[in-house]
C-alpha atoms as a PDB file:
ATOM      1  CA  MET A   1     -13.448   1.771 -12.172  1.00  0.00           C
ATOM      2  CA  SER A   2     -16.026  -0.016 -14.314  1.00  0.00           C
ATOM      3  CA  GLU A   3     -17.242   1.369 -17.633  1.00  0.00           C
ATOM      4  CA  ALA A   4     -20.707   1.968 -16.172  1.00  0.00           C
ATOM      5  CA  MET A   5     -19.273   3.991 -13.275  1.00  0.00           C
ATOM      6  CA  GLU A   6     -17.092   5.993 -15.646  1.00  0.00           C
ATOM      7  CA  THR A   7     -20.111   6.778 -17.839  1.00  0.00           C
ATOM      8  CA  LEU A   8     -22.061   7.848 -14.759  1.00  0.00           C
ATOM      9  CA  MET A   9     -19.213  10.069 -13.594  1.00  0.00           C
ATOM     10  CA  ASP A  10     -18.968  11.738 -17.007  1.00  0.00           C
ATOM     11  CA  SER A  11     -22.704  12.456 -17.007  1.00  0.00           C
ATOM     12  CA  LEU A  12     -22.571  13.990 -13.532  1.00  0.00           C
ATOM     13  CA  TYR A  13     -19.579  16.121 -14.519  1.00  0.00           C
ATOM     14  CA  ASP A  14     -21.349  17.340 -17.681  1.00  0.00           C
ATOM     15  CA  ASP A  15     -24.611  18.074 -15.806  1.00  0.00           C
ATOM     16  CA  LYS A  16     -26.484  15.518 -17.894  1.00  0.00           C
ATOM     17  CA  VAL A  17     -29.053  12.987 -16.765  1.00  0.00           C
ATOM     18  CA  PRO A  18     -27.320   9.565 -16.877  1.00  0.00           C
ATOM     19  CA  ALA A  19     -28.699   7.359 -19.633  1.00  0.00           C
ATOM     20  CA  ARG A  20     -29.687   4.596 -17.204  1.00  0.00           C
ATOM     21  CA  TRP A  21     -31.671   7.089 -15.136  1.00  0.00           C
ATOM     22  CA  ALA A  22     -33.314   8.614 -18.205  1.00  0.00           C
ATOM     23  CA  ALA A  23     -34.415   5.166 -19.384  1.00  0.00           C
ATOM     24  CA  LEU A  24     -36.544   4.806 -16.236  1.00  0.00           C
ATOM     25  CA  SER A  25     -37.638   8.441 -16.137  1.00  0.00           C
ATOM     26  CA  TRP A  26     -40.223  10.676 -17.763  1.00  0.00           C
ATOM     27  CA  PRO A  27     -39.326  12.452 -21.050  1.00  0.00           C
ATOM     28  CA  SER A  28     -37.191  15.474 -20.212  1.00  0.00           C
ATOM     29  CA  LEU A  29     -34.683  17.786 -21.881  1.00  0.00           C
ATOM     30  CA  ARG A  30     -33.496  19.293 -18.596  1.00  0.00           C
ATOM     31  CA  PRO A  31     -29.869  19.283 -17.432  1.00  0.00           C
ATOM     32  CA  LEU A  32     -29.164  17.161 -14.363  1.00  0.00           C
ATOM     33  CA  GLY A  33     -29.461  19.888 -11.710  1.00  0.00           C
ATOM     34  CA  SER A  34     -32.809  21.113 -13.004  1.00  0.00           C
ATOM     35  CA  TRP A  35     -33.978  17.520 -13.545  1.00  0.00           C
ATOM     36  CA  LEU A  36     -33.292  16.631  -9.909  1.00  0.00           C
ATOM     37  CA  GLN A  37     -35.250  19.652  -8.668  1.00  0.00           C
ATOM     38  CA  ASN A  38     -38.084  18.723 -11.016  1.00  0.00           C
ATOM     39  CA  MET A  39     -38.096  15.215  -9.570  1.00  0.00           C
ATOM     40  CA  LEU A  40     -38.331  16.598  -6.019  1.00  0.00           C
ATOM     41  CA  ASP A  41     -41.239  18.836  -7.046  1.00  0.00           C
ATOM     42  CA  ARG A  42     -43.024  15.847  -8.584  1.00  0.00           C
ATOM     43  CA  HIS A  43     -42.455  13.818  -5.430  1.00  0.00           C
ATOM     44  CA  LYS A  44     -43.800  16.627  -3.251  1.00  0.00           C
ATOM     45  CA  GLN A  45     -47.009  16.811  -5.288  1.00  0.00           C
ATOM     46  CA  LEU A  46     -47.588  13.087  -4.795  1.00  0.00           C
ATOM     47  CA  LEU A  47     -46.909  13.371  -1.050  1.00  0.00           C
ATOM     48  CA  ASP A  48     -49.324  16.291  -0.713  1.00  0.00           C
ATOM     49  CA  TRP A  49     -51.916  14.440  -2.785  1.00  0.00           C
ATOM     50  CA  THR A  50     -51.758  11.247  -0.715  1.00  0.00           C
ATOM     51  CA  ALA A  51     -51.478  12.946   2.685  1.00  0.00           C
ATOM     52  CA  ASP A  52     -55.247  13.289   3.131  1.00  0.00           C
ATOM     53  CA  MET A  53     -56.452  11.382   0.033  1.00  0.00           C
ATOM     54  CA  ASN A  54     -58.722  14.256  -0.978  1.00  0.00           C
ATOM     55  CA  THR A  55     -59.127  15.489  -4.533  1.00  0.00           C
ATOM     56  CA  PRO A  56     -56.564  18.291  -5.021  1.00  0.00           C
ATOM     57  CA  LYS A  57     -57.884  21.762  -5.774  1.00  0.00           C
ATOM     58  CA  VAL A  58     -55.622  21.980  -8.802  1.00  0.00           C
ATOM     59  CA  THR A  59     -53.205  19.407 -10.233  1.00  0.00           C
ATOM     60  CA  TRP A  60     -49.798  20.166 -11.704  1.00  0.00           C
ATOM     61  CA  ILE A  61     -50.402  17.887 -14.669  1.00  0.00           C
ATOM     62  CA  SER A  62     -46.865  18.408 -15.977  1.00  0.00           C
ATOM     63  CA  GLY A  63     -45.562  16.764 -12.804  1.00  0.00           C
ATOM     64  CA  LEU A  64     -47.332  13.465 -13.404  1.00  0.00           C
ATOM     65  CA  PHE A  65     -45.346  10.533 -14.760  1.00  0.00           C
ATOM     66  CA  ASN A  66     -48.306   9.433 -16.889  1.00  0.00           C
ATOM     67  CA  PRO A  67     -50.634  12.396 -17.567  1.00  0.00           C
ATOM     68  CA  GLN A  68     -52.601  10.319 -20.098  1.00  0.00           C
ATOM     69  CA  ALA A  69     -53.796   8.084 -17.250  1.00  0.00           C
ATOM     70  CA  PHE A  70     -54.989  11.157 -15.336  1.00  0.00           C
ATOM     71  CA  LEU A  71     -57.012  12.319 -18.349  1.00  0.00           C
ATOM     72  CA  THR A  72     -58.469   8.843 -18.802  1.00  0.00           C
ATOM     73  CA  ALA A  73     -59.510   8.839 -15.136  1.00  0.00           C
ATOM     74  CA  VAL A  74     -61.380  12.119 -15.669  1.00  0.00           C
ATOM     75  CA  MET A  75     -63.288  10.522 -18.553  1.00  0.00           C
ATOM     76  CA  GLN A  76     -63.962   7.338 -16.576  1.00  0.00           C
ATOM     77  CA  VAL A  77     -65.493   9.261 -13.669  1.00  0.00           C
ATOM     78  CA  THR A  78     -67.751  11.181 -16.069  1.00  0.00           C
ATOM     79  CA  ALA A  79     -68.691   8.006 -17.931  1.00  0.00           C
ATOM     80  CA  ARG A  80     -69.721   6.204 -14.718  1.00  0.00           C
ATOM     81  CA  LYS A  81     -71.600   9.213 -13.368  1.00  0.00           C
ATOM     82  CA  ASN A  82     -73.676   9.676 -16.529  1.00  0.00           C
ATOM     83  CA  GLU A  83     -73.699   6.038 -17.677  1.00  0.00           C
ATOM     84  CA  TRP A  84     -72.041   6.958 -20.947  1.00  0.00           C
ATOM     85  CA  PRO A  85     -69.794   4.619 -22.977  1.00  0.00           C
ATOM     86  CA  LEU A  86     -66.178   5.599 -22.424  1.00  0.00           C
ATOM     87  CA  ASP A  87     -65.255   5.292 -26.107  1.00  0.00           C
ATOM     88  CA  LYS A  88     -67.813   7.991 -26.979  1.00  0.00           C
ATOM     89  CA  LEU A  89     -66.176  10.624 -24.768  1.00  0.00           C
ATOM     90  CA  ALA A  90     -63.524  13.228 -25.514  1.00  0.00           C
ATOM     91  CA  ILE A  91     -61.492  15.636 -23.405  1.00  0.00           C
ATOM     92  CA  VAL A  92     -62.611  19.277 -23.244  1.00  0.00           C
ATOM     93  CA  ALA A  93     -60.101  21.920 -22.108  1.00  0.00           C
ATOM     94  CA  ASP A  94     -61.577  25.199 -20.840  1.00  0.00           C
ATOM     95  CA  VAL A  95     -58.906  27.808 -20.119  1.00  0.00           C
ATOM     96  CA  THR A  96     -59.846  29.904 -17.085  1.00  0.00           C
ATOM     97  CA  LYS A  97     -58.621  33.367 -16.129  1.00  0.00           C
ATOM     98  CA  ARG A  98     -57.150  32.258 -12.808  1.00  0.00           C
ATOM     99  CA  GLY A  99     -53.782  31.113 -11.529  1.00  0.00           C
ATOM    100  CA  PRO A 100     -53.276  28.024  -9.319  1.00  0.00           C
ATOM    101  CA  GLU A 101     -53.249  30.111  -6.139  1.00  0.00           C
ATOM    102  CA  GLU A 102     -56.670  31.569  -7.009  1.00  0.00           C
ATOM    103  CA  ILE A 103     -58.454  28.210  -7.104  1.00  0.00           C
ATOM    104  CA  GLU A 104     -60.454  27.907  -3.882  1.00  0.00           C
ATOM    105  CA  GLY A 105     -61.551  24.297  -4.173  1.00  0.00           C
ATOM    106  CA  ALA A 106     -61.770  21.256  -6.400  1.00  0.00           C
ATOM    107  CA  THR A 107     -64.306  21.384  -9.217  1.00  0.00           C
ATOM    108  CA  ARG A 108     -67.378  19.148  -9.071  1.00  0.00           C
ATOM    109  CA  GLU A 109     -66.908  18.087 -12.667  1.00  0.00           C
ATOM    110  CA  GLY A 110     -63.539  17.245 -14.191  1.00  0.00           C
ATOM    111  CA  ALA A 111     -60.295  18.606 -12.746  1.00  0.00           C
ATOM    112  CA  TYR A 112     -58.358  21.860 -12.611  1.00  0.00           C
ATOM    113  CA  VAL A 113     -54.822  21.529 -14.000  1.00  0.00           C
ATOM    114  CA  HIS A 114     -51.890  23.868 -14.488  1.00  0.00           C
ATOM    115  CA  GLY A 115     -48.327  23.798 -15.761  1.00  0.00           C
ATOM    116  CA  LEU A 116     -48.862  24.108 -19.525  1.00  0.00           C
ATOM    117  CA  TYR A 117     -46.873  26.464 -21.737  1.00  0.00           C
ATOM    118  CA  ILE A 118     -47.842  27.609 -25.207  1.00  0.00           C
ATOM    119  CA  GLU A 119     -45.389  27.778 -28.090  1.00  0.00           C
ATOM    120  CA  GLY A 120     -46.002  29.847 -31.227  1.00  0.00           C
ATOM    121  CA  ALA A 121     -48.792  31.999 -29.781  1.00  0.00           C
ATOM    122  CA  ARG A 122     -50.155  33.322 -26.486  1.00  0.00           C
ATOM    123  CA  TRP A 123     -53.400  33.140 -24.583  1.00  0.00           C
ATOM    124  CA  ASP A 124     -55.250  36.431 -24.175  1.00  0.00           C
ATOM    125  CA  THR A 125     -57.227  36.333 -20.932  1.00  0.00           C
ATOM    126  CA  GLY A 126     -59.266  39.361 -21.953  1.00  0.00           C
ATOM    127  CA  SER A 127     -60.745  37.760 -25.053  1.00  0.00           C
ATOM    128  CA  SER A 128     -60.228  34.173 -23.824  1.00  0.00           C
ATOM    129  CA  SER A 129     -58.692  33.178 -27.132  1.00  0.00           C
ATOM    130  CA  LEU A 130     -55.412  32.579 -28.923  1.00  0.00           C
ATOM    131  CA  GLU A 131     -53.474  35.618 -30.089  1.00  0.00           C
ATOM    132  CA  GLU A 132     -50.089  36.224 -31.703  1.00  0.00           C
ATOM    133  CA  SER A 133     -47.202  35.924 -29.257  1.00  0.00           C
ATOM    134  CA  PHE A 134     -45.237  38.884 -27.940  1.00  0.00           C
ATOM    135  CA  MET A 135     -41.633  39.410 -28.989  1.00  0.00           C
ATOM    136  CA  LYS A 136     -39.124  37.452 -26.877  1.00  0.00           C
ATOM    137  CA  ASP A 137     -41.905  35.736 -24.928  1.00  0.00           C
ATOM    138  CA  LEU A 138     -41.397  32.280 -26.403  1.00  0.00           C
ATOM    139  CA  TYR A 139     -43.229  30.097 -23.909  1.00  0.00           C
ATOM    140  CA  PRO A 140     -45.941  31.984 -21.998  1.00  0.00           C
ATOM    141  CA  LEU A 141     -47.595  30.042 -19.209  1.00  0.00           C
ATOM    142  CA  LEU A 142     -51.306  29.333 -19.537  1.00  0.00           C
ATOM    143  CA  PRO A 143     -53.757  30.025 -16.704  1.00  0.00           C
ATOM    144  CA  VAL A 144     -55.422  27.113 -14.936  1.00  0.00           C
ATOM    145  CA  ILE A 145     -57.347  24.820 -17.301  1.00  0.00           C
ATOM    146  CA  LEU A 146     -60.543  22.997 -16.437  1.00  0.00           C
ATOM    147  CA  ILE A 147     -60.336  19.506 -17.907  1.00  0.00           C
ATOM    148  CA  LYS A 148     -63.702  17.867 -18.495  1.00  0.00           C
ATOM    149  CA  ALA A 149     -65.169  15.047 -20.540  1.00  0.00           C
ATOM    150  CA  ALA A 150     -68.040  15.373 -22.993  1.00  0.00           C
ATOM    151  CA  THR A 151     -69.650  13.195 -25.603  1.00  0.00           C
ATOM    152  CA  GLN A 152     -68.013  13.565 -28.975  1.00  0.00           C
ATOM    153  CA  ASP A 153     -71.229  14.606 -30.706  1.00  0.00           C
ATOM    154  CA  LYS A 154     -71.539  17.642 -28.416  1.00  0.00           C
ATOM    155  CA  LEU A 155     -68.086  19.063 -29.103  1.00  0.00           C
ATOM    156  CA  ASP A 156     -68.178  22.506 -30.686  1.00  0.00           C
ATOM    157  CA  GLY A 157     -65.602  22.641 -33.462  1.00  0.00           C
ATOM    158  CA  LYS A 158     -66.367  26.239 -34.484  1.00  0.00           C
ATOM    159  CA  GLU A 159     -63.705  28.832 -33.709  1.00  0.00           C
ATOM    160  CA  VAL A 160     -61.591  26.162 -32.037  1.00  0.00           C
ATOM    161  CA  TYR A 161     -57.991  25.209 -32.762  1.00  0.00           C
ATOM    162  CA  ALA A 162     -57.187  21.563 -32.093  1.00  0.00           C
ATOM    163  CA  CYS A 163     -53.926  22.186 -30.253  1.00  0.00           C
ATOM    164  CA  PRO A 164     -51.597  19.218 -29.681  1.00  0.00           C
ATOM    165  CA  VAL A 165     -50.104  18.874 -26.203  1.00  0.00           C
ATOM    166  CA  TYR A 166     -46.596  17.451 -25.767  1.00  0.00           C
ATOM    167  CA  LYS A 167     -44.445  16.626 -22.754  1.00  0.00           C
ATOM    168  CA  THR A 168     -41.303  18.356 -24.075  1.00  0.00           C
ATOM    169  CA  GLN A 169     -40.121  20.743 -26.770  1.00  0.00           C
ATOM    170  CA  SER A 170     -38.950  17.816 -28.884  1.00  0.00           C
ATOM    171  CA  ARG A 171     -42.659  17.035 -29.489  1.00  0.00           C
ATOM    172  CA  GLY A 172     -42.879  13.837 -31.580  1.00  0.00           C
ATOM    173  CA  PRO A 173     -43.298  10.763 -29.357  1.00  0.00           C
ATOM    174  CA  THR A 174     -44.127  12.900 -26.301  1.00  0.00           C
ATOM    175  CA  TYR A 175     -47.678  13.656 -27.522  1.00  0.00           C
ATOM    176  CA  VAL A 176     -50.276  13.541 -24.728  1.00  0.00           C
ATOM    177  CA  PHE A 177     -53.644  14.777 -26.015  1.00  0.00           C
ATOM    178  CA  THR A 178     -55.340  17.474 -28.090  1.00  0.00           C
ATOM    179  CA  ALA A 179     -56.786  20.560 -26.383  1.00  0.00           C
ATOM    180  CA  GLY A 180     -59.436  22.600 -28.162  1.00  0.00           C
ATOM    181  CA  LEU A 181     -58.479  26.273 -27.738  1.00  0.00           C
ATOM    182  CA  ARG A 182     -60.745  29.149 -28.707  1.00  0.00           C
ATOM    183  CA  THR A 183     -59.546  31.318 -31.576  1.00  0.00           C
ATOM    184  CA  LYS A 184     -60.889  34.305 -33.466  1.00  0.00           C
ATOM    185  CA  ALA A 185     -58.445  33.678 -36.306  1.00  0.00           C
ATOM    186  CA  PRO A 186     -58.845  30.697 -38.636  1.00  0.00           C
ATOM    187  CA  PRO A 187     -57.345  27.528 -37.105  1.00  0.00           C
ATOM    188  CA  SER A 188     -55.144  27.221 -40.187  1.00  0.00           C
ATOM    189  CA  LYS A 189     -53.151  30.222 -38.925  1.00  0.00           C
ATOM    190  CA  TRP A 190     -52.066  28.341 -35.821  1.00  0.00           C
ATOM    191  CA  ILE A 191     -51.452  25.131 -37.763  1.00  0.00           C
ATOM    192  CA  LEU A 192     -49.000  26.970 -40.042  1.00  0.00           C
ATOM    193  CA  ALA A 193     -47.381  28.583 -36.976  1.00  0.00           C
ATOM    194  CA  GLY A 194     -46.899  25.165 -35.374  1.00  0.00           C
ATOM    195  CA  VAL A 195     -48.681  26.218 -32.194  1.00  0.00           C
ATOM    196  CA  SER A 196     -48.658  23.607 -29.434  1.00  0.00           C
ATOM    197  CA  LEU A 197     -48.880  23.275 -25.672  1.00  0.00           C
ATOM    198  CA  LEU A 198     -45.868  21.991 -23.765  1.00  0.00           C
ATOM    199  CA  MET A 199     -45.732  20.430 -20.321  1.00  0.00           C
ATOM    200  CA  ASP A 200     -42.049  21.164 -19.756  1.00  0.00           C
ATOM    201  CA  VAL A 201     -39.854  23.911 -21.170  1.00  0.00           C
ATOM    202  CA  VAL A 202     -36.092  24.366 -21.057  1.00  0.00           C
ATOM    203  CA  GLU A 203     -34.920  27.837 -22.109  1.00  0.00           C
END
């Protein structure tokens, strides 16, 4: 047995994603079994998306290999529609009060996305703002988010926390974008708490 095959066998036995697979994969902290199911779910979304080539009602953004490209596409569509320079646009994230199954159709502007978890706080649907997290609820799931593009000079920075979005709990190099979330508390509170949005969570 070659060294490569032995390494692969050890990874399968330990329920770990083989290093050679991980090198060609998306960032993930999942064990092998969960990783494989995640891959199948990602594949299914792409099949459903390309089956009729229509804009999906809501996109599982966490299941995209390159979510940054999806966000750039949203800005490009807005830029062409309004004849705005692309480098003057920024992403706006409006958290709705609905789940994916409650979305009846695709939005005319931007895109509905889901699959984001919040760490260090929670989203209160009643007040539509950040609140302190509940005990033992470490990674509450956010409702559907409407992703839009707007010119940078029209962004409202008042009562908004610039929340970083990462692909995994390791944060760092998995940064995707910054989502402005409404807050009644000073943004500094959430900065000190290390609040962030995560696209994939392993508990």
